[in-house]
Amino acid sequence: MELKDIKKIAEDVLQTEREFNKKAGVSEEFWSFPEFMREEPLPPNDTIFDISREEMKRIWDVKIPIDEF
């Protein structure tokens, strides 16, 4: 199996998951993180989840070039 085949399988799995979630009523447009995740520091580094909804939506736009590996 070549890397391009593995990449295609990964893309298919993600697309299938998105379709399943949409049919189950949990599509990306309804995703929201609990308020405490955006406000309460997480030990031990006291970090908070500060990624905007707009940035989270772009997660599906990631393209991995074949020549990276």
PDB file of N, CA and C in Angstrom:
ATOM      1  N   MET A   1       0.850  -1.170   0.000  1.00  0.00           N
ATOM      2  CA  MET A   1       0.000   0.000   0.000  1.00  0.00           C
ATOM      3  C   MET A   1       0.903   1.243   0.000  1.00  0.00           C
ATOM      4  N   GLU A   2       0.561   2.186  -0.818  1.00  0.00           N
ATOM      5  CA  GLU A   2       1.346   3.417  -0.921  1.00  0.00           C
ATOM      6  C   GLU A   2       0.766   4.498  -0.015  1.00  0.00           C
ATOM      7  N   LEU A   3       1.574   5.521   0.244  1.00  0.00           N
ATOM      8  CA  LEU A   3       1.153   6.625   1.097  1.00  0.00           C
ATOM      9  C   LEU A   3      -0.105   7.297   0.560  1.00  0.00           C
ATOM     10  N   LYS A   4      -0.213   7.454  -0.748  1.00  0.00           N
ATOM     11  CA  LYS A   4      -1.398   8.096  -1.316  1.00  0.00           C
ATOM     12  C   LYS A   4      -2.657   7.287  -1.015  1.00  0.00           C
ATOM     13  N   ASP A   5      -2.527   5.953  -0.928  1.00  0.00           N
ATOM     14  CA  ASP A   5      -3.658   5.100  -0.599  1.00  0.00           C
ATOM     15  C   ASP A   5      -4.093   5.308   0.855  1.00  0.00           C
ATOM     16  N   ILE A   6      -3.107   5.421   1.728  1.00  0.00           N
ATOM     17  CA  ILE A   6      -3.392   5.642   3.148  1.00  0.00           C
ATOM     18  C   ILE A   6      -4.051   7.010   3.343  1.00  0.00           C
ATOM     19  N   LYS A   7      -3.549   8.005   2.641  1.00  0.00           N
ATOM     20  CA  LYS A   7      -4.137   9.350   2.719  1.00  0.00           C
ATOM     21  C   LYS A   7      -5.590   9.320   2.259  1.00  0.00           C
ATOM     22  N   LYS A   8      -5.874   8.600   1.182  1.00  0.00           N
ATOM     23  CA  LYS A   8      -7.241   8.500   0.668  1.00  0.00           C
ATOM     24  C   LYS A   8      -8.141   7.813   1.678  1.00  0.00           C
ATOM     25  N   ILE A   9      -7.652   6.763   2.306  1.00  0.00           N
ATOM     26  CA  ILE A   9      -8.437   6.068   3.335  1.00  0.00           C
ATOM     27  C   ILE A   9      -8.745   7.020   4.485  1.00  0.00           C
ATOM     28  N   ALA A  10      -7.754   7.771   4.931  1.00  0.00           N
ATOM     29  CA  ALA A  10      -7.949   8.718   6.036  1.00  0.00           C
ATOM     30  C   ALA A  10      -8.987   9.771   5.674  1.00  0.00           C
ATOM     31  N   GLU A  11      -8.901  10.321   4.467  1.00  0.00           N
ATOM     32  CA  GLU A  11      -9.876  11.321   4.034  1.00  0.00           C
ATOM     33  C   GLU A  11     -11.275  10.722   3.974  1.00  0.00           C
ATOM     34  N   ASP A  12     -11.396   9.489   3.490  1.00  0.00           N
ATOM     35  CA  ASP A  12     -12.699   8.814   3.424  1.00  0.00           C
ATOM     36  C   ASP A  12     -13.278   8.592   4.819  1.00  0.00           C
ATOM     37  N   VAL A  13     -12.435   8.193   5.762  1.00  0.00           N
ATOM     38  CA  VAL A  13     -12.897   7.965   7.131  1.00  0.00           C
ATOM     39  C   VAL A  13     -13.421   9.269   7.741  1.00  0.00           C
ATOM     40  N   LEU A  14     -12.676  10.353   7.558  1.00  0.00           N
ATOM     41  CA  LEU A  14     -13.121  11.643   8.103  1.00  0.00           C
ATOM     42  C   LEU A  14     -14.424  12.098   7.461  1.00  0.00           C
ATOM     43  N   GLN A  15     -14.542  11.921   6.155  1.00  0.00           N
ATOM     44  CA  GLN A  15     -15.775  12.320   5.471  1.00  0.00           C
ATOM     45  C   GLN A  15     -16.957  11.474   5.942  1.00  0.00           C
ATOM     46  N   THR A  16     -16.727  10.176   6.128  1.00  0.00           N
ATOM     47  CA  THR A  16     -17.783   9.294   6.628  1.00  0.00           C
ATOM     48  C   THR A  16     -18.215   9.723   8.027  1.00  0.00           C
ATOM     49  N   GLU A  17     -17.257  10.073   8.869  1.00  0.00           N
ATOM     50  CA  GLU A  17     -17.574  10.523  10.225  1.00  0.00           C
ATOM     51  C   GLU A  17     -18.397  11.814  10.190  1.00  0.00           C
ATOM     52  N   ARG A  18     -18.017  12.752   9.326  1.00  0.00           N
ATOM     53  CA  ARG A  18     -18.760  14.004   9.217  1.00  0.00           C
ATOM     54  C   ARG A  18     -20.196  13.744   8.765  1.00  0.00           C
ATOM     55  N   GLU A  19     -20.368  12.864   7.784  1.00  0.00           N
ATOM     56  CA  GLU A  19     -21.706  12.539   7.296  1.00  0.00           C
ATOM     57  C   GLU A  19     -22.538  11.873   8.389  1.00  0.00           C
ATOM     58  N   PHE A  20     -21.931  10.946   9.119  1.00  0.00           N
ATOM     59  CA  PHE A  20     -22.626  10.273  10.221  1.00  0.00           C
ATOM     60  C   PHE A  20     -23.067  11.292  11.266  1.00  0.00           C
ATOM     61  N   ASN A  21     -22.136  12.170  11.663  1.00  0.00           N
ATOM     62  CA  ASN A  21     -22.463  13.177  12.673  1.00  0.00           C
ATOM     63  C   ASN A  21     -23.598  14.083  12.215  1.00  0.00           C
ATOM     64  N   LYS A  22     -23.570  14.478  10.958  1.00  0.00           N
ATOM     65  CA  LYS A  22     -24.622  15.347  10.437  1.00  0.00           C
ATOM     66  C   LYS A  22     -25.981  14.643  10.505  1.00  0.00           C
ATOM     67  N   LYS A  23     -26.024  13.375  10.087  1.00  0.00           N
ATOM     68  CA  LYS A  23     -27.274  12.616  10.127  1.00  0.00           C
ATOM     69  C   LYS A  23     -27.740  12.384  11.558  1.00  0.00           C
ATOM     70  N   ALA A  24     -26.797  12.330  12.497  1.00  0.00           N
ATOM     71  CA  ALA A  24     -27.131  12.129  13.911  1.00  0.00           C
ATOM     72  C   ALA A  24     -27.500  13.440  14.605  1.00  0.00           C
ATOM     73  N   GLY A  25     -27.416  14.543  13.863  1.00  0.00           N
ATOM     74  CA  GLY A  25     -27.793  15.832  14.432  1.00  0.00           C
ATOM     75  C   GLY A  25     -26.682  16.525  15.193  1.00  0.00           C
ATOM     76  N   VAL A  26     -25.445  16.133  14.961  1.00  0.00           N
ATOM     77  CA  VAL A  26     -24.324  16.767  15.657  1.00  0.00           C
ATOM     78  C   VAL A  26     -23.301  17.306  14.656  1.00  0.00           C
ATOM     79  N   SER A  27     -23.785  17.981  13.637  1.00  0.00           N
ATOM     80  CA  SER A  27     -22.879  18.527  12.631  1.00  0.00           C
ATOM     81  C   SER A  27     -22.066  19.682  13.221  1.00  0.00           C
ATOM     82  N   GLU A  28     -21.042  20.078  12.503  1.00  0.00           N
ATOM     83  CA  GLU A  28     -20.100  21.085  12.999  1.00  0.00           C
ATOM     84  C   GLU A  28     -20.769  22.395  13.397  1.00  0.00           C
ATOM     85  N   GLU A  29     -21.853  22.742  12.740  1.00  0.00           N
ATOM     86  CA  GLU A  29     -22.494  24.018  13.053  1.00  0.00           C
ATOM     87  C   GLU A  29     -23.050  24.059  14.473  1.00  0.00           C
ATOM     88  N   PHE A  30     -23.218  22.896  15.094  1.00  0.00           N
ATOM     89  CA  PHE A  30     -23.737  22.850  16.458  1.00  0.00           C
ATOM     90  C   PHE A  30     -22.653  22.582  17.498  1.00  0.00           C
ATOM     91  N   TRP A  31     -21.414  22.399  17.034  1.00  0.00           N
ATOM     92  CA  TRP A  31     -20.333  22.132  17.968  1.00  0.00           C
ATOM     93  C   TRP A  31     -20.087  23.351  18.832  1.00  0.00           C
ATOM     94  N   SER A  32     -19.942  23.121  20.074  1.00  0.00           N
ATOM     95  CA  SER A  32     -19.592  24.191  20.997  1.00  0.00           C
ATOM     96  C   SER A  32     -18.907  23.530  22.190  1.00  0.00           C
ATOM     97  N   PHE A  33     -17.904  24.191  22.665  1.00  0.00           N
ATOM     98  CA  PHE A  33     -17.203  23.669  23.823  1.00  0.00           C
ATOM     99  C   PHE A  33     -17.805  24.273  25.077  1.00  0.00           C
ATOM    100  N   PRO A  34     -17.836  23.509  26.152  1.00  0.00           N
ATOM    101  CA  PRO A  34     -18.393  24.031  27.399  1.00  0.00           C
ATOM    102  C   PRO A  34     -17.670  25.309  27.824  1.00  0.00           C
ATOM    103  N   GLU A  35     -18.412  26.195  28.432  1.00  0.00           N
ATOM    104  CA  GLU A  35     -17.869  27.485  28.864  1.00  0.00           C
ATOM    105  C   GLU A  35     -16.637  27.317  29.749  1.00  0.00           C
ATOM    106  N   PHE A  36     -16.671  26.327  30.654  1.00  0.00           N
ATOM    107  CA  PHE A  36     -15.546  26.163  31.576  1.00  0.00           C
ATOM    108  C   PHE A  36     -14.241  25.884  30.832  1.00  0.00           C
ATOM    109  N   MET A  37     -14.325  25.244  29.658  1.00  0.00           N
ATOM    110  CA  MET A  37     -13.106  24.944  28.902  1.00  0.00           C
ATOM    111  C   MET A  37     -12.457  26.214  28.363  1.00  0.00           C
ATOM    112  N   ARG A  38     -13.273  27.241  28.149  1.00  0.00           N
ATOM    113  CA  ARG A  38     -12.759  28.501  27.615  1.00  0.00           C
ATOM    114  C   ARG A  38     -12.379  29.483  28.718  1.00  0.00           C
ATOM    115  N   GLU A  39     -12.703  29.152  29.969  1.00  0.00           N
ATOM    116  CA  GLU A  39     -12.477  30.105  31.055  1.00  0.00           C
ATOM    117  C   GLU A  39     -11.585  29.587  32.177  1.00  0.00           C
ATOM    118  N   GLU A  40     -11.676  28.291  32.486  1.00  0.00           N
ATOM    119  CA  GLU A  40     -10.929  27.752  33.621  1.00  0.00           C
ATOM    120  C   GLU A  40      -9.563  27.228  33.176  1.00  0.00           C
ATOM    121  N   PRO A  41      -8.505  27.682  33.815  1.00  0.00           N
ATOM    122  CA  PRO A  41      -7.161  27.187  33.487  1.00  0.00           C
ATOM    123  C   PRO A  41      -7.037  25.692  33.791  1.00  0.00           C
ATOM    124  N   LEU A  42      -6.338  24.996  32.915  1.00  0.00           N
ATOM    125  CA  LEU A  42      -6.157  23.558  33.064  1.00  0.00           C
ATOM    126  C   LEU A  42      -4.760  23.279  33.609  1.00  0.00           C
ATOM    127  N   PRO A  43      -4.673  22.690  34.813  1.00  0.00           N
ATOM    128  CA  PRO A  43      -3.364  22.368  35.372  1.00  0.00           C
ATOM    129  C   PRO A  43      -2.666  21.315  34.527  1.00  0.00           C
ATOM    130  N   PRO A  44      -1.416  21.165  34.530  1.00  0.00           N
ATOM    131  CA  PRO A  44      -0.469  21.871  35.381  1.00  0.00           C
ATOM    132  C   PRO A  44       0.058  23.171  34.749  1.00  0.00           C
ATOM    133  N   ASN A  45      -0.313  23.451  33.503  1.00  0.00           N
ATOM    134  CA  ASN A  45       0.236  24.633  32.842  1.00  0.00           C
ATOM    135  C   ASN A  45      -0.706  25.830  32.849  1.00  0.00           C
ATOM    136  N   ASP A  46      -1.880  25.667  33.447  1.00  0.00           N
ATOM    137  CA  ASP A  46      -2.889  26.729  33.512  1.00  0.00           C
ATOM    138  C   ASP A  46      -3.254  27.275  32.139  1.00  0.00           C
ATOM    139  N   THR A  47      -3.420  26.365  31.188  1.00  0.00           N
ATOM    140  CA  THR A  47      -3.828  26.767  29.842  1.00  0.00           C
ATOM    141  C   THR A  47      -5.344  26.694  29.713  1.00  0.00           C
ATOM    142  N   ILE A  48      -5.874  27.455  28.779  1.00  0.00           N
ATOM    143  CA  ILE A  48      -7.297  27.393  28.482  1.00  0.00           C
ATOM    144  C   ILE A  48      -7.468  27.109  27.001  1.00  0.00           C
ATOM    145  N   PHE A  49      -8.630  26.611  26.634  1.00  0.00           N
ATOM    146  CA  PHE A  49      -8.931  26.329  25.231  1.00  0.00           C
ATOM    147  C   PHE A  49      -9.339  27.643  24.585  1.00  0.00           C
ATOM    148  N   ASP A  50      -8.469  28.201  23.769  1.00  0.00           N
ATOM    149  CA  ASP A  50      -8.733  29.528  23.216  1.00  0.00           C
ATOM    150  C   ASP A  50      -8.776  29.557  21.687  1.00  0.00           C
ATOM    151  N   ILE A  51      -9.184  28.451  21.096  1.00  0.00           N
ATOM    152  CA  ILE A  51      -9.303  28.387  19.642  1.00  0.00           C
ATOM    153  C   ILE A  51     -10.721  28.830  19.267  1.00  0.00           C
ATOM    154  N   SER A  52     -10.813  29.795  18.376  1.00  0.00           N
ATOM    155  CA  SER A  52     -12.120  30.337  17.994  1.00  0.00           C
ATOM    156  C   SER A  52     -12.929  29.319  17.188  1.00  0.00           C
ATOM    157  N   ARG A  53     -14.244  29.523  17.147  1.00  0.00           N
ATOM    158  CA  ARG A  53     -15.120  28.646  16.361  1.00  0.00           C
ATOM    159  C   ARG A  53     -14.731  28.695  14.885  1.00  0.00           C
ATOM    160  N   GLU A  54     -14.351  29.886  14.405  1.00  0.00           N
ATOM    161  CA  GLU A  54     -13.963  30.039  13.006  1.00  0.00           C
ATOM    162  C   GLU A  54     -12.721  29.199  12.692  1.00  0.00           C
ATOM    163  N   GLU A  55     -11.773  29.228  13.608  1.00  0.00           N
ATOM    164  CA  GLU A  55     -10.559  28.437  13.413  1.00  0.00           C
ATOM    165  C   GLU A  55     -10.863  26.939  13.483  1.00  0.00           C
ATOM    166  N   MET A  56     -11.750  26.546  14.378  1.00  0.00           N
ATOM    167  CA  MET A  56     -12.128  25.140  14.486  1.00  0.00           C
ATOM    168  C   MET A  56     -12.789  24.648  13.203  1.00  0.00           C
ATOM    169  N   LYS A  57     -13.566  25.504  12.558  1.00  0.00           N
ATOM    170  CA  LYS A  57     -14.215  25.116  11.308  1.00  0.00           C
ATOM    171  C   LYS A  57     -13.191  24.832  10.217  1.00  0.00           C
ATOM    172  N   ARG A  58     -12.040  25.482  10.279  1.00  0.00           N
ATOM    173  CA  ARG A  58     -11.014  25.296   9.256  1.00  0.00           C
ATOM    174  C   ARG A  58     -10.252  23.977   9.415  1.00  0.00           C
ATOM    175  N   ILE A  59     -10.521  23.242  10.479  1.00  0.00           N
ATOM    176  CA  ILE A  59      -9.810  21.982  10.699  1.00  0.00           C
ATOM    177  C   ILE A  59     -10.008  21.028   9.524  1.00  0.00           C
ATOM    178  N   TRP A  60     -11.158  21.114   8.870  1.00  0.00           N
ATOM    179  CA  TRP A  60     -11.454  20.222   7.753  1.00  0.00           C
ATOM    180  C   TRP A  60     -10.758  20.654   6.471  1.00  0.00           C
ATOM    181  N   ASP A  61     -10.162  21.840   6.465  1.00  0.00           N
ATOM    182  CA  ASP A  61      -9.481  22.349   5.269  1.00  0.00           C
ATOM    183  C   ASP A  61      -8.027  21.890   5.172  1.00  0.00           C
ATOM    184  N   VAL A  62      -7.558  21.150   6.151  1.00  0.00           N
ATOM    185  CA  VAL A  62      -6.155  20.733   6.185  1.00  0.00           C
ATOM    186  C   VAL A  62      -5.888  19.736   5.060  1.00  0.00           C
ATOM    187  N   LYS A  63      -4.849  20.009   4.313  1.00  0.00           N
ATOM    188  CA  LYS A  63      -4.429  19.108   3.241  1.00  0.00           C
ATOM    189  C   LYS A  63      -2.993  18.684   3.524  1.00  0.00           C
ATOM    190  N   ILE A  64      -2.734  17.394   3.524  1.00  0.00           N
ATOM    191  CA  ILE A  64      -1.392  16.887   3.769  1.00  0.00           C
ATOM    192  C   ILE A  64      -0.768  16.520   2.432  1.00  0.00           C
ATOM    193  N   PRO A  65       0.278  17.227   2.044  1.00  0.00           N
ATOM    194  CA  PRO A  65       0.921  16.894   0.773  1.00  0.00           C
ATOM    195  C   PRO A  65       1.562  15.510   0.835  1.00  0.00           C
ATOM    196  N   ILE A  66       1.445  14.785  -0.223  1.00  0.00           N
ATOM    197  CA  ILE A  66       2.017  13.428  -0.302  1.00  0.00           C
ATOM    198  C   ILE A  66       3.528  13.474  -0.107  1.00  0.00           C
ATOM    199  N   ASP A  67       4.187  14.511  -0.631  1.00  0.00           N
ATOM    200  CA  ASP A  67       5.649  14.555  -0.596  1.00  0.00           C
ATOM    201  C   ASP A  67       6.219  14.925   0.770  1.00  0.00           C
ATOM    202  N   GLU A  68       5.377  15.098   1.783  1.00  0.00           N
ATOM    203  CA  GLU A  68       5.865  15.422   3.124  1.00  0.00           C
ATOM    204  C   GLU A  68       6.506  14.209   3.789  1.00  0.00           C
ATOM    205  N   PHE A  69       6.176  13.018   3.347  1.00  0.00           N
ATOM    206  CA  PHE A  69       6.672  11.812   4.012  1.00  0.00           C
ATOM    207  C   PHE A  69       7.629  11.057   3.174  1.00  0.00           C
TER     208      PHE A  69
END
